[in-house]
Amino acid sequence: MELLFMEPVLKEMIWGGSRLKQVYDMEIPSDHTGECWAISAHQNGDCKVVGGTYDGCTLSGLWKDHPELFGNCPGDRYPLLIKIIDAKQDLSIQVHPDDEYAAVHENGSLGKTECWYILDCDPDTQIVIGHHAKDHKEMEEMILEKRWDEFIRVIPVKKGDFFQIDPGCLHAIKGGTLILETQQNSDITYRVYDYDRLSDGKPRQLHVKQSIDVIKAPFESERAVPQVQTRQLDHAVESHLITCSFYSVYKYEIDGSFTQTFDKPFVNVTVVEGEGQINGIEIKKGQSFIIPAGYGECRWDGTMSLICSFV
C-alpha cells in the first residue's frame, strides 16, 4: 500500500495574500492567493496524485476507479475537502446550506458543514461566528435593513483555536488569519454582505434570499466551540477536535518516534508544523496526503504537528 500525496490546487481570491508561499513554500499564482485546496476531489479543484503507482491520477478518478483504496466507502464522491485559507483581508459575511437545501436548490450538491483550526493569526484578530438576532423575523429585518453592526457577532481569535461551522451558522474569516478547514465536499457559499466591495469594478454577487432561508436563529454559541479532548501518548499529544455526522478531526503533536494504526476507510493528513518522516518517507510542513484503507502501521519520526480527518 502507498500513501497518496496530493498536488494542491491554488486559488486566487480578492481577499487573499502570500502566506501560502511565505509559510509553506507553495508556488502561488499571485500575491492574492486565498486558498490551497490541499485534498480535494471537487470539480472546481480536483487534486492529482504526485508520485507512485497513481501518479497524475485525479482524486475523483481514484474514488470512482479504485474504491478499494478508500475501504469501498459508500457515496458517489469523495466526501471531504481539506483547505488551507490565507485571509489577508476580510471574507464576506456568509452562510452555508445543509444537504437537504442544497440538493433541492443547488443541482444536487452536498451541503457544507465545516470546521476551522486556526493555524496562525495577527495580534488582535477577530472572526465572525453567529449573530445577535433573537429569532428568524428579527434576523430577516436586520439583514434587509442592513443593520450589520447590530446583527453580526464578532469574537477574538488566537492561534490554536478551533470552531465548528454548521449549516445555517453565519460566519466570516477576517483579515490576518491562516486557517486549516475540514469540510464536506461542497463549494456552495451564500454571501449575505460583502462590505460593498468591488471586484473587476462590480459588486460581488450576494445571496440574500438563500441566506435568509438557511440562517438559523437564534444562534447557538455552544455548538460552534466544541470541547477539545486531549491525551498524552508515547511521544505524541493527541487532541480530538470534533466528531460530527460528516467527519472526525484530530491533531497530533509528535516529538520523537510515534506509532499508530488507523482503522479507517481512509485518513486525510496535513503537516501543519515541523518536519519528519512517515515510515521512512520525508514529509514537511504544508504537505497533504491520504493514508488509504489497509495501509497498516504508521511510524512517525520527527517534530511535527498533523491535522488528520476521516469519515
C-alpha atoms as a PDB file:
ATOM      1  CA  MET A   1       0.000   0.000   0.000  1.00  0.00           C
ATOM      2  CA  GLU A   2       1.178   3.516  -0.822  1.00  0.00           C
ATOM      3  CA  LEU A   3       0.457   6.911   0.643  1.00  0.00           C
ATOM      4  CA  LEU A   4      -1.373   9.186  -1.804  1.00  0.00           C
ATOM      5  CA  PHE A   5       0.445  12.528  -1.873  1.00  0.00           C
ATOM      6  CA  MET A   6      -1.651  15.357  -3.290  1.00  0.00           C
ATOM      7  CA  GLU A   7      -0.710  18.215  -5.611  1.00  0.00           C
ATOM      8  CA  PRO A   8      -2.661  21.184  -4.213  1.00  0.00           C
ATOM      9  CA  VAL A   9      -4.980  23.384  -6.250  1.00  0.00           C
ATOM     10  CA  LEU A  10      -4.275  27.061  -5.503  1.00  0.00           C
ATOM     11  CA  LYS A  11      -6.956  29.700  -5.929  1.00  0.00           C
ATOM     12  CA  GLU A  12      -6.683  33.472  -6.231  1.00  0.00           C
ATOM     13  CA  MET A  13      -9.188  35.466  -4.190  1.00  0.00           C
ATOM     14  CA  ILE A  14      -9.963  39.180  -3.794  1.00  0.00           C
ATOM     15  CA  TRP A  15      -9.109  38.807  -0.085  1.00  0.00           C
ATOM     16  CA  GLY A  16      -6.074  36.512  -0.454  1.00  0.00           C
ATOM     17  CA  GLY A  17      -2.407  37.119   0.304  1.00  0.00           C
ATOM     18  CA  SER A  18       1.017  35.491   0.044  1.00  0.00           C
ATOM     19  CA  ARG A  19       1.324  33.478   3.262  1.00  0.00           C
ATOM     20  CA  LEU A  20       0.935  30.165   1.469  1.00  0.00           C
ATOM     21  CA  LYS A  21       4.271  30.975  -0.179  1.00  0.00           C
ATOM     22  CA  GLN A  22       5.870  32.511   2.916  1.00  0.00           C
ATOM     23  CA  VAL A  23       4.801  29.850   5.409  1.00  0.00           C
ATOM     24  CA  TYR A  24       4.500  26.684   3.301  1.00  0.00           C
ATOM     25  CA  ASP A  25       6.744  27.492   0.320  1.00  0.00           C
ATOM     26  CA  MET A  26       3.929  26.865  -2.161  1.00  0.00           C
ATOM     27  CA  GLU A  27       4.229  28.124  -5.736  1.00  0.00           C
ATOM     28  CA  ILE A  28       1.345  30.578  -5.584  1.00  0.00           C
ATOM     29  CA  PRO A  29      -0.072  32.208  -8.749  1.00  0.00           C
ATOM     30  CA  SER A  30      -0.089  35.730  -7.242  1.00  0.00           C
ATOM     31  CA  ASP A  31       0.017  37.741  -4.015  1.00  0.00           C
ATOM     32  CA  HIS A  32      -3.779  37.429  -3.872  1.00  0.00           C
ATOM     33  CA  THR A  33      -3.816  33.670  -3.320  1.00  0.00           C
ATOM     34  CA  GLY A  34      -6.510  32.850  -0.797  1.00  0.00           C
ATOM     35  CA  GLU A  35      -6.999  29.104  -0.819  1.00  0.00           C
ATOM     36  CA  CYS A  36      -4.970  25.931  -1.094  1.00  0.00           C
ATOM     37  CA  TRP A  37      -7.293  23.020  -1.837  1.00  0.00           C
ATOM     38  CA  ALA A  38      -4.938  20.502  -0.296  1.00  0.00           C
ATOM     39  CA  ILE A  39      -7.071  17.353  -0.594  1.00  0.00           C
ATOM     40  CA  SER A  40      -9.989  17.739  -2.967  1.00  0.00           C
ATOM     41  CA  ALA A  41     -11.984  15.734  -5.481  1.00  0.00           C
ATOM     42  CA  HIS A  42     -14.398  18.574  -6.226  1.00  0.00           C
ATOM     43  CA  GLN A  43     -14.969  19.539  -9.868  1.00  0.00           C
ATOM     44  CA  ASN A  44     -13.861  23.104  -9.078  1.00  0.00           C
ATOM     45  CA  GLY A  45     -10.481  21.881  -7.856  1.00  0.00           C
ATOM     46  CA  ASP A  46      -9.623  18.205  -8.359  1.00  0.00           C
ATOM     47  CA  CYS A  47      -6.225  17.332  -6.844  1.00  0.00           C
ATOM     48  CA  LYS A  48      -3.825  14.975  -8.601  1.00  0.00           C
ATOM     49  CA  VAL A  49      -1.615  12.330  -7.012  1.00  0.00           C
ATOM     50  CA  VAL A  50       2.107  13.085  -7.044  1.00  0.00           C
ATOM     51  CA  GLY A  51       4.404  10.061  -7.432  1.00  0.00           C
ATOM     52  CA  GLY A  52       3.855   6.347  -7.009  1.00  0.00           C
ATOM     53  CA  THR A  53       1.531   3.963  -8.820  1.00  0.00           C
ATOM     54  CA  TYR A  54      -1.224   6.532  -9.292  1.00  0.00           C
ATOM     55  CA  ASP A  55       0.953   9.487 -10.320  1.00  0.00           C
ATOM     56  CA  GLY A  56      -1.117  12.049 -12.233  1.00  0.00           C
ATOM     57  CA  CYS A  57      -4.479  10.475 -11.388  1.00  0.00           C
ATOM     58  CA  THR A  58      -7.162  12.784 -10.045  1.00  0.00           C
ATOM     59  CA  LEU A  59      -8.645  12.070  -6.643  1.00  0.00           C
ATOM     60  CA  SER A  60     -12.145  11.937  -8.149  1.00  0.00           C
ATOM     61  CA  GLY A  61     -10.904   9.360 -10.654  1.00  0.00           C
ATOM     62  CA  LEU A  62      -9.367   7.212  -7.939  1.00  0.00           C
ATOM     63  CA  TRP A  63     -12.601   7.372  -5.923  1.00  0.00           C
ATOM     64  CA  LYS A  64     -14.503   6.069  -8.970  1.00  0.00           C
ATOM     65  CA  ASP A  65     -11.999   3.536 -10.341  1.00  0.00           C
ATOM     66  CA  HIS A  66     -10.251   2.270  -7.190  1.00  0.00           C
ATOM     67  CA  PRO A  67     -12.820   2.234  -4.373  1.00  0.00           C
ATOM     68  CA  GLU A  68     -10.701  -0.329  -2.547  1.00  0.00           C
ATOM     69  CA  LEU A  69      -8.230   2.461  -1.706  1.00  0.00           C
ATOM     70  CA  PHE A  70     -10.990   4.076   0.354  1.00  0.00           C
ATOM     71  CA  GLY A  71     -12.355   0.951   2.021  1.00  0.00           C
ATOM     72  CA  ASN A  72     -15.204   0.782  -0.519  1.00  0.00           C
ATOM     73  CA  CYS A  73     -16.716   3.732   1.314  1.00  0.00           C
ATOM     74  CA  PRO A  74     -20.285   4.416   0.124  1.00  0.00           C
ATOM     75  CA  GLY A  75     -21.166   7.576  -1.794  1.00  0.00           C
ATOM     76  CA  ASP A  76     -20.807   8.922  -5.317  1.00  0.00           C
ATOM     77  CA  ARG A  77     -17.975  11.332  -4.451  1.00  0.00           C
ATOM     78  CA  TYR A  78     -15.024  11.708  -2.110  1.00  0.00           C
ATOM     79  CA  PRO A  79     -16.801  13.059   0.964  1.00  0.00           C
ATOM     80  CA  LEU A  80     -14.319  15.591   2.370  1.00  0.00           C
ATOM     81  CA  LEU A  81     -12.342  18.621   1.214  1.00  0.00           C
ATOM     82  CA  ILE A  82      -9.305  19.995   3.054  1.00  0.00           C
ATOM     83  CA  LYS A  83      -8.210  23.622   2.573  1.00  0.00           C
ATOM     84  CA  ILE A  84      -5.591  25.996   3.909  1.00  0.00           C
ATOM     85  CA  ILE A  85      -7.014  29.519   3.784  1.00  0.00           C
ATOM     86  CA  ASP A  86      -4.926  32.708   3.836  1.00  0.00           C
ATOM     87  CA  ALA A  87      -7.179  35.664   4.580  1.00  0.00           C
ATOM     88  CA  LYS A  88      -5.166  38.847   4.113  1.00  0.00           C
ATOM     89  CA  GLN A  89      -8.442  40.789   4.102  1.00  0.00           C
ATOM     90  CA  ASP A  90     -11.908  40.013   5.447  1.00  0.00           C
ATOM     91  CA  LEU A  91     -14.014  37.366   3.719  1.00  0.00           C
ATOM     92  CA  SER A  92     -17.665  38.100   3.069  1.00  0.00           C
ATOM     93  CA  ILE A  93     -20.288  37.546   5.761  1.00  0.00           C
ATOM     94  CA  GLN A  94     -21.682  34.203   4.646  1.00  0.00           C
ATOM     95  CA  VAL A  95     -23.609  31.055   5.432  1.00  0.00           C
ATOM     96  CA  HIS A  96     -23.829  27.524   4.017  1.00  0.00           C
ATOM     97  CA  PRO A  97     -26.874  25.328   3.379  1.00  0.00           C
ATOM     98  CA  ASP A  98     -27.369  21.792   4.654  1.00  0.00           C
ATOM     99  CA  ASP A  99     -27.605  18.719   2.396  1.00  0.00           C
ATOM    100  CA  GLU A 100     -31.384  18.913   2.110  1.00  0.00           C
ATOM    101  CA  TYR A 101     -31.492  22.564   0.986  1.00  0.00           C
ATOM    102  CA  ALA A 102     -28.503  22.179  -1.364  1.00  0.00           C
ATOM    103  CA  ALA A 103     -29.957  19.069  -3.009  1.00  0.00           C
ATOM    104  CA  VAL A 104     -33.107  20.988  -3.928  1.00  0.00           C
ATOM    105  CA  HIS A 105     -31.665  24.423  -4.743  1.00  0.00           C
ATOM    106  CA  GLU A 106     -28.088  23.675  -5.927  1.00  0.00           C
ATOM    107  CA  ASN A 107     -28.442  20.924  -8.525  1.00  0.00           C
ATOM    108  CA  GLY A 108     -27.895  18.031  -6.145  1.00  0.00           C
ATOM    109  CA  SER A 109     -24.787  19.451  -4.457  1.00  0.00           C
ATOM    110  CA  LEU A 110     -23.896  18.426  -0.947  1.00  0.00           C
ATOM    111  CA  GLY A 111     -24.442  20.986   1.777  1.00  0.00           C
ATOM    112  CA  LYS A 112     -21.451  22.381   3.618  1.00  0.00           C
ATOM    113  CA  THR A 113     -20.580  21.593   7.193  1.00  0.00           C
ATOM    114  CA  GLU A 114     -17.049  22.757   8.001  1.00  0.00           C
ATOM    115  CA  CYS A 115     -14.617  23.371  10.838  1.00  0.00           C
ATOM    116  CA  TRP A 116     -11.663  25.691  11.323  1.00  0.00           C
ATOM    117  CA  TYR A 117      -8.327  25.135  13.047  1.00  0.00           C
ATOM    118  CA  ILE A 118      -6.540  28.473  13.490  1.00  0.00           C
ATOM    119  CA  LEU A 119      -3.000  27.866  12.212  1.00  0.00           C
ATOM    120  CA  ASP A 120      -1.887  31.430  12.899  1.00  0.00           C
ATOM    121  CA  CYS A 121      -3.274  34.942  13.111  1.00  0.00           C
ATOM    122  CA  ASP A 122      -2.138  38.504  13.592  1.00  0.00           C
ATOM    123  CA  PRO A 123      -2.436  40.121  17.041  1.00  0.00           C
ATOM    124  CA  ASP A 124      -5.972  41.233  17.951  1.00  0.00           C
ATOM    125  CA  THR A 125      -7.519  39.281  15.065  1.00  0.00           C
ATOM    126  CA  GLN A 126     -11.259  38.601  15.183  1.00  0.00           C
ATOM    127  CA  ILE A 127     -13.655  36.318  13.343  1.00  0.00           C
ATOM    128  CA  VAL A 128     -17.397  36.370  12.752  1.00  0.00           C
ATOM    129  CA  ILE A 129     -19.365  33.463  14.186  1.00  0.00           C
ATOM    130  CA  GLY A 130     -23.101  33.845  14.668  1.00  0.00           C
ATOM    131  CA  HIS A 131     -25.414  36.822  15.030  1.00  0.00           C
ATOM    132  CA  HIS A 132     -27.445  38.724  17.631  1.00  0.00           C
ATOM    133  CA  ALA A 133     -30.979  38.345  16.240  1.00  0.00           C
ATOM    134  CA  LYS A 134     -33.365  36.801  18.771  1.00  0.00           C
ATOM    135  CA  ASP A 135     -35.474  34.978  16.168  1.00  0.00           C
ATOM    136  CA  HIS A 136     -35.911  34.436  12.434  1.00  0.00           C
ATOM    137  CA  LYS A 137     -38.122  37.513  11.967  1.00  0.00           C
ATOM    138  CA  GLU A 138     -35.577  39.857  13.580  1.00  0.00           C
ATOM    139  CA  MET A 139     -32.784  38.206  11.602  1.00  0.00           C
ATOM    140  CA  GLU A 140     -34.583  38.910   8.332  1.00  0.00           C
ATOM    141  CA  GLU A 141     -35.290  42.527   9.351  1.00  0.00           C
ATOM    142  CA  MET A 142     -31.667  43.173  10.331  1.00  0.00           C
ATOM    143  CA  ILE A 143     -30.394  41.835   7.002  1.00  0.00           C
ATOM    144  CA  LEU A 144     -32.915  43.679   4.821  1.00  0.00           C
ATOM    145  CA  GLU A 145     -32.343  46.921   6.770  1.00  0.00           C
ATOM    146  CA  LYS A 146     -28.536  46.413   6.579  1.00  0.00           C
ATOM    147  CA  ARG A 147     -28.076  46.773  10.349  1.00  0.00           C
ATOM    148  CA  TRP A 148     -24.756  44.986  10.104  1.00  0.00           C
ATOM    149  CA  ASP A 149     -23.039  46.288  13.266  1.00  0.00           C
ATOM    150  CA  GLU A 150     -26.065  45.343  15.329  1.00  0.00           C
ATOM    151  CA  PHE A 151     -26.524  41.973  13.617  1.00  0.00           C
ATOM    152  CA  ILE A 152     -23.055  40.453  13.249  1.00  0.00           C
ATOM    153  CA  ARG A 153     -21.377  38.643  16.199  1.00  0.00           C
ATOM    154  CA  VAL A 154     -17.598  39.172  16.295  1.00  0.00           C
ATOM    155  CA  ILE A 155     -15.215  37.353  18.683  1.00  0.00           C
ATOM    156  CA  PRO A 156     -11.441  37.431  19.270  1.00  0.00           C
ATOM    157  CA  VAL A 157      -9.360  34.541  17.960  1.00  0.00           C
ATOM    158  CA  LYS A 158      -5.882  33.161  18.626  1.00  0.00           C
ATOM    159  CA  LYS A 159      -3.564  30.507  17.230  1.00  0.00           C
ATOM    160  CA  GLY A 160      -4.757  27.004  18.118  1.00  0.00           C
ATOM    161  CA  ASP A 161      -8.455  27.887  18.449  1.00  0.00           C
ATOM    162  CA  PHE A 162     -10.967  25.519  16.870  1.00  0.00           C
ATOM    163  CA  PHE A 163     -14.508  26.176  15.631  1.00  0.00           C
ATOM    164  CA  GLN A 164     -17.302  24.062  14.147  1.00  0.00           C
ATOM    165  CA  ILE A 165     -19.381  25.848  11.493  1.00  0.00           C
ATOM    166  CA  ASP A 166     -22.659  24.032  10.991  1.00  0.00           C
ATOM    167  CA  PRO A 167     -25.005  24.835   8.083  1.00  0.00           C
ATOM    168  CA  GLY A 168     -27.077  27.872   8.994  1.00  0.00           C
ATOM    169  CA  CYS A 169     -24.288  29.438  11.095  1.00  0.00           C
ATOM    170  CA  LEU A 170     -23.429  32.982   9.958  1.00  0.00           C
ATOM    171  CA  HIS A 171     -19.643  33.301   9.747  1.00  0.00           C
ATOM    172  CA  ALA A 172     -16.645  35.052   8.203  1.00  0.00           C
ATOM    173  CA  ILE A 173     -12.894  34.675   8.398  1.00  0.00           C
ATOM    174  CA  LYS A 174     -11.377  38.114   8.913  1.00  0.00           C
ATOM    175  CA  GLY A 175      -8.082  39.512   7.681  1.00  0.00           C
ATOM    176  CA  GLY A 176      -4.828  38.333   9.231  1.00  0.00           C
ATOM    177  CA  THR A 177      -5.931  34.737   9.719  1.00  0.00           C
ATOM    178  CA  LEU A 178      -4.429  31.467   8.445  1.00  0.00           C
ATOM    179  CA  ILE A 179      -6.800  28.508   8.800  1.00  0.00           C
ATOM    180  CA  LEU A 180      -6.962  24.809   8.065  1.00  0.00           C
ATOM    181  CA  GLU A 181     -10.522  23.970   7.072  1.00  0.00           C
ATOM    182  CA  THR A 182     -12.030  20.499   7.025  1.00  0.00           C
ATOM    183  CA  GLN A 183     -15.380  20.422   5.228  1.00  0.00           C
ATOM    184  CA  GLN A 184     -17.857  18.430   3.211  1.00  0.00           C
ATOM    185  CA  ASN A 185     -17.048  18.127  -0.474  1.00  0.00           C
ATOM    186  CA  SER A 186     -19.063  21.196  -1.478  1.00  0.00           C
ATOM    187  CA  ASP A 187     -18.413  24.644  -2.928  1.00  0.00           C
ATOM    188  CA  ILE A 188     -21.746  26.280  -2.027  1.00  0.00           C
ATOM    189  CA  THR A 189     -21.499  29.606  -0.193  1.00  0.00           C
ATOM    190  CA  TYR A 190     -24.218  32.213   0.257  1.00  0.00           C
ATOM    191  CA  ARG A 191     -22.914  35.762   0.707  1.00  0.00           C
ATOM    192  CA  VAL A 192     -25.066  37.887   2.995  1.00  0.00           C
ATOM    193  CA  TYR A 193     -22.871  41.005   2.980  1.00  0.00           C
ATOM    194  CA  ASP A 194     -19.566  41.859   1.292  1.00  0.00           C
ATOM    195  CA  TYR A 195     -18.761  45.348   2.644  1.00  0.00           C
ATOM    196  CA  ASP A 196     -19.868  46.839  -0.716  1.00  0.00           C
ATOM    197  CA  ARG A 197     -16.548  45.745  -2.212  1.00  0.00           C
ATOM    198  CA  LEU A 198     -15.949  45.820  -5.953  1.00  0.00           C
ATOM    199  CA  SER A 199     -14.373  43.002  -7.960  1.00  0.00           C
ATOM    200  CA  ASP A 200     -13.429  43.991 -11.518  1.00  0.00           C
ATOM    201  CA  GLY A 201     -15.413  47.174 -10.951  1.00  0.00           C
ATOM    202  CA  LYS A 202     -18.612  45.405  -9.914  1.00  0.00           C
ATOM    203  CA  PRO A 203     -20.077  44.310  -6.564  1.00  0.00           C
ATOM    204  CA  ARG A 204     -19.758  40.569  -5.958  1.00  0.00           C
ATOM    205  CA  GLN A 205     -22.980  38.579  -6.147  1.00  0.00           C
ATOM    206  CA  LEU A 206     -24.994  38.366  -2.930  1.00  0.00           C
ATOM    207  CA  HIS A 207     -27.438  35.597  -1.999  1.00  0.00           C
ATOM    208  CA  VAL A 208     -29.769  37.397   0.381  1.00  0.00           C
ATOM    209  CA  LYS A 209     -32.884  35.268  -0.171  1.00  0.00           C
ATOM    210  CA  GLN A 210     -30.993  31.979   0.204  1.00  0.00           C
ATOM    211  CA  SER A 211     -29.190  33.324   3.291  1.00  0.00           C
ATOM    212  CA  ILE A 212     -32.444  34.288   4.983  1.00  0.00           C
ATOM    213  CA  ASP A 213     -33.787  30.841   4.099  1.00  0.00           C
ATOM    214  CA  VAL A 214     -30.941  28.954   5.792  1.00  0.00           C
ATOM    215  CA  ILE A 215     -29.587  31.129   8.659  1.00  0.00           C
ATOM    216  CA  LYS A 216     -30.616  29.614  11.969  1.00  0.00           C
ATOM    217  CA  ALA A 217     -31.940  31.947  14.648  1.00  0.00           C
ATOM    218  CA  PRO A 218     -31.240  32.363  17.447  1.00  0.00           C
ATOM    219  CA  PHE A 219     -27.529  31.499  17.217  1.00  0.00           C
ATOM    220  CA  GLU A 220     -26.386  28.609  19.462  1.00  0.00           C
ATOM    221  CA  SER A 221     -22.849  29.527  20.507  1.00  0.00           C
ATOM    222  CA  GLU A 222     -22.078  26.278  22.326  1.00  0.00           C
ATOM    223  CA  ARG A 223     -22.255  24.287  19.063  1.00  0.00           C
ATOM    224  CA  ALA A 224     -19.580  26.471  17.465  1.00  0.00           C
ATOM    225  CA  VAL A 225     -16.900  25.869  20.114  1.00  0.00           C
ATOM    226  CA  PRO A 226     -16.512  22.120  20.740  1.00  0.00           C
ATOM    227  CA  GLN A 227     -14.828  20.804  23.887  1.00  0.00           C
ATOM    228  CA  VAL A 228     -11.415  19.583  22.706  1.00  0.00           C
ATOM    229  CA  GLN A 229     -10.257  16.370  24.399  1.00  0.00           C
ATOM    230  CA  THR A 230      -6.503  15.890  24.762  1.00  0.00           C
ATOM    231  CA  ARG A 231      -4.459  12.891  25.863  1.00  0.00           C
ATOM    232  CA  GLN A 232      -0.752  12.172  26.194  1.00  0.00           C
ATOM    233  CA  LEU A 233       0.563   9.261  24.151  1.00  0.00           C
ATOM    234  CA  ASP A 234       4.062   7.865  23.765  1.00  0.00           C
ATOM    235  CA  HIS A 235       5.961  10.742  22.053  1.00  0.00           C
ATOM    236  CA  ALA A 236       2.751  12.460  20.932  1.00  0.00           C
ATOM    237  CA  VAL A 237      -0.140  14.565  22.187  1.00  0.00           C
ATOM    238  CA  GLU A 238      -3.471  13.672  20.604  1.00  0.00           C
ATOM    239  CA  SER A 239      -6.249  16.273  20.528  1.00  0.00           C
ATOM    240  CA  HIS A 240      -9.714  15.146  19.474  1.00  0.00           C
ATOM    241  CA  LEU A 241     -11.104  18.336  17.955  1.00  0.00           C
ATOM    242  CA  ILE A 242     -14.540  17.223  16.724  1.00  0.00           C
ATOM    243  CA  THR A 243     -16.687  14.290  15.681  1.00  0.00           C
ATOM    244  CA  CYS A 244     -19.904  15.131  13.825  1.00  0.00           C
ATOM    245  CA  SER A 245     -22.115  13.421  11.256  1.00  0.00           C
ATOM    246  CA  PHE A 246     -19.671  14.147   8.424  1.00  0.00           C
ATOM    247  CA  TYR A 247     -16.136  13.868   9.835  1.00  0.00           C
ATOM    248  CA  SER A 248     -13.839  13.367  12.788  1.00  0.00           C
ATOM    249  CA  VAL A 249     -10.808  15.667  13.137  1.00  0.00           C
ATOM    250  CA  TYR A 250      -7.743  15.079  15.298  1.00  0.00           C
ATOM    251  CA  LYS A 251      -4.498  16.952  15.884  1.00  0.00           C
ATOM    252  CA  TYR A 252      -1.255  15.136  16.677  1.00  0.00           C
ATOM    253  CA  GLU A 253       1.799  16.900  18.067  1.00  0.00           C
ATOM    254  CA  ILE A 254       4.673  14.462  17.612  1.00  0.00           C
ATOM    255  CA  ASP A 255       8.116  14.673  19.179  1.00  0.00           C
ATOM    256  CA  GLY A 256      10.267  11.616  18.556  1.00  0.00           C
ATOM    257  CA  SER A 257       9.001   8.240  17.311  1.00  0.00           C
ATOM    258  CA  PHE A 258       5.270   7.647  17.470  1.00  0.00           C
ATOM    259  CA  THR A 259       3.475   4.600  16.077  1.00  0.00           C
ATOM    260  CA  GLN A 260      -0.209   4.183  15.302  1.00  0.00           C
ATOM    261  CA  THR A 261      -2.582   2.279  13.031  1.00  0.00           C
ATOM    262  CA  PHE A 262      -5.697   3.973  11.684  1.00  0.00           C
ATOM    263  CA  ASP A 263      -8.579   1.513  11.387  1.00  0.00           C
ATOM    264  CA  LYS A 264     -10.471   3.782   8.979  1.00  0.00           C
ATOM    265  CA  PRO A 265     -11.519   3.664   5.301  1.00  0.00           C
ATOM    266  CA  PHE A 266      -9.002   6.466   4.641  1.00  0.00           C
ATOM    267  CA  VAL A 267      -7.349   9.319   6.561  1.00  0.00           C
ATOM    268  CA  ASN A 268      -6.564  12.842   5.310  1.00  0.00           C
ATOM    269  CA  VAL A 269      -3.300  14.204   6.743  1.00  0.00           C
ATOM    270  CA  THR A 270      -1.850  17.715   6.531  1.00  0.00           C
ATOM    271  CA  VAL A 271       1.501  18.564   8.121  1.00  0.00           C
ATOM    272  CA  VAL A 272       0.876  21.991   9.666  1.00  0.00           C
ATOM    273  CA  GLU A 273       4.154  22.426  11.586  1.00  0.00           C
ATOM    274  CA  GLY A 274       7.635  20.912  11.523  1.00  0.00           C
ATOM    275  CA  GLU A 275       9.006  18.019   9.522  1.00  0.00           C
ATOM    276  CA  GLY A 276       9.956  14.361   9.828  1.00  0.00           C
ATOM    277  CA  GLN A 277       9.148  11.001   8.303  1.00  0.00           C
ATOM    278  CA  ILE A 278       6.290   8.548   7.971  1.00  0.00           C
ATOM    279  CA  ASN A 279       7.592   5.007   7.502  1.00  0.00           C
ATOM    280  CA  GLY A 280      10.860   6.457   6.214  1.00  0.00           C
ATOM    281  CA  ILE A 281       9.235   8.880   3.737  1.00  0.00           C
ATOM    282  CA  GLU A 282      10.234  12.510   4.270  1.00  0.00           C
ATOM    283  CA  ILE A 283       7.357  14.880   4.992  1.00  0.00           C
ATOM    284  CA  LYS A 284       7.330  18.592   5.811  1.00  0.00           C
ATOM    285  CA  LYS A 285       5.088  21.489   6.714  1.00  0.00           C
ATOM    286  CA  GLY A 286       2.449  22.193   4.066  1.00  0.00           C
ATOM    287  CA  GLN A 287       2.268  18.674   2.605  1.00  0.00           C
ATOM    288  CA  SER A 288      -1.016  16.775   2.467  1.00  0.00           C
ATOM    289  CA  PHE A 289      -1.618  13.121   1.751  1.00  0.00           C
ATOM    290  CA  ILE A 290      -4.150  10.322   2.169  1.00  0.00           C
ATOM    291  CA  ILE A 291      -3.491   7.146   4.139  1.00  0.00           C
ATOM    292  CA  PRO A 292      -5.519   4.542   2.190  1.00  0.00           C
ATOM    293  CA  ALA A 293      -7.540   1.665   3.589  1.00  0.00           C
ATOM    294  CA  GLY A 294      -5.457  -1.221   4.869  1.00  0.00           C
ATOM    295  CA  TYR A 295      -2.209   0.769   4.886  1.00  0.00           C
ATOM    296  CA  GLY A 296      -1.318  -0.623   8.279  1.00  0.00           C
ATOM    297  CA  GLU A 297       1.088   0.757  10.850  1.00  0.00           C
ATOM    298  CA  CYS A 298       2.291   4.351  10.585  1.00  0.00           C
ATOM    299  CA  ARG A 299       5.599   5.158  12.236  1.00  0.00           C
ATOM    300  CA  TRP A 300       6.097   8.894  12.599  1.00  0.00           C
ATOM    301  CA  ASP A 301       9.606  10.223  13.325  1.00  0.00           C
ATOM    302  CA  GLY A 302      10.422  13.865  13.908  1.00  0.00           C
ATOM    303  CA  THR A 303       8.990  17.001  15.462  1.00  0.00           C
ATOM    304  CA  MET A 304       5.777  17.979  13.713  1.00  0.00           C
ATOM    305  CA  SER A 305       2.081  18.714  14.064  1.00  0.00           C
ATOM    306  CA  LEU A 306      -0.541  16.994  11.931  1.00  0.00           C
ATOM    307  CA  ILE A 307      -4.239  17.574  11.350  1.00  0.00           C
ATOM    308  CA  CYS A 308      -5.970  14.291  10.450  1.00  0.00           C
ATOM    309  CA  SER A 309      -9.555  13.696   9.372  1.00  0.00           C
ATOM    310  CA  PHE A 310     -11.734  10.779   8.347  1.00  0.00           C
ATOM    311  CA  VAL A 311     -15.374   9.783   7.972  1.00  0.00           C
END
